[in-house]
Amino acid sequence: MSATGRLFAIVMAGGKGTRFWPESTSAKPKQYLSLVSPHSLLQETLTRFDGLVPVNRRYVVTVREQEALAKKSSEGNIEPHHFIFEPSGRNTAPCILLSMAQLEMEGATDEDVLAIVPSDHVILNKEGFQHSVKVATETASQKGGIVTIGIKPHFPHTGYGYIHHEKQEGPELFKVASFKEKPNFETAKEYVSTGEYFWNAGMFVARLDVLKNEFKKHSPKMWSSYEDLKKNCHKAESLKNVYEQIPSDSIDYAIMEKSELVYVVPAAFDWNDLGSWDALESVIAPMDGNIVVKDSGHSFIDAKNNIVYAPGKHVALVGINDMIVVSNDNAVIVLPKDQAQRIKEVVELLKKTPEGQKLL
């Protein structure tokens, strides 16, 4: 990495997803769950930077409602005051702009490089992750671009955005031609067959001055709030007024799709965004023919390829295959694995009654 700038890590942890209901709720979103290890996904994300970014250059961006959870999950992995609190969850572009403003207020300089990552993805190969971040950091420092880390697609997934790359700029570097929205199945098949596309994992590495210039050029309305964000980043009430004026756009829409300075580094690591319970199959080894995330013992008779999450409970399954079985202190859900996405229908149903809302 260039000696001119330091590397900072910004972990975005303000999401409120309920795709892991009933365990994931608005009071305890996915990033605070311990699904693939004894540690929460946020904790895993922070420790992935060990040896690459010191604790005093790591920040977590979240919302005030999640302050206690975020602090508990980040203990020892960031400085106690290195939280950036969004007045309300808006979208990734305002969240990143606020992070840039607070970092600059706290001493970051234009040459410093920011690695911006989501808090709720699973990456088991820490060494590969650090290698890709180093390549992205060197590129960002030297070429003055925004570098994203792309995931080589294993199949035509319709739930991810795609990155179309053009000419190869180095052994592990491509110039980005365009970003594509989530495609239908036929289009996704076409993308994968060309070998010219990556999945967009929402990880970005760039120098602070490059991010500032690109906001200024491509999202002037958003950029016009930057100085006010800097002045008010530690004043909750006045920050709220400034923040609510900022358009609620994604970083892809605000910057990435318009910028001509975007590069992609192919990920040298495994990756899973854990979109739903069935995704755990690819990150947890089977036990007795089933994926057991948590339980206090189990008895399986003619039961295979099920996913079980039932902390503190003994689970007995007889004569069922390919099911998701989730039980906690508040609720139980059982559904076929191939219908895992339908949990959102349950969530919609629960929203309709006061009793149901208490479970979200």
Foldseek 3Di string as FASTA:
>chain_A
DDPPAAEAEEEEEADQDCLAPLVRGSLHHQQLDDFQHPAGLLLVVLCLCVVPHQQARYAYEHAPSCLVSVCVRCPPSHPSPRYQHDPDDFAAVLSVLLNLLQVVLVPHDQLYKYKYAYRRKDWPPSVLQSVLVVVQQVCQNPVVFKEFAFEQDPALDQPFKKWFFDDAPDPFKTFTPAIGHRDPRVVSRVVNVVSRMTTGRPIIMHGSNSSLVQLCVQPVQQSVLNVVSNVCSPPSPSNNVSSVSHHRDYCCVRGVRPDRRYMYGYRSTDMDSCSHQLSVPVSADDDPQEAERAAPEEAEACEHHEYEAEHDHYYYYYNYYQWYWHDYPPDIDIDHNVCSSCVVVVLVVLVVDPVSSVSD
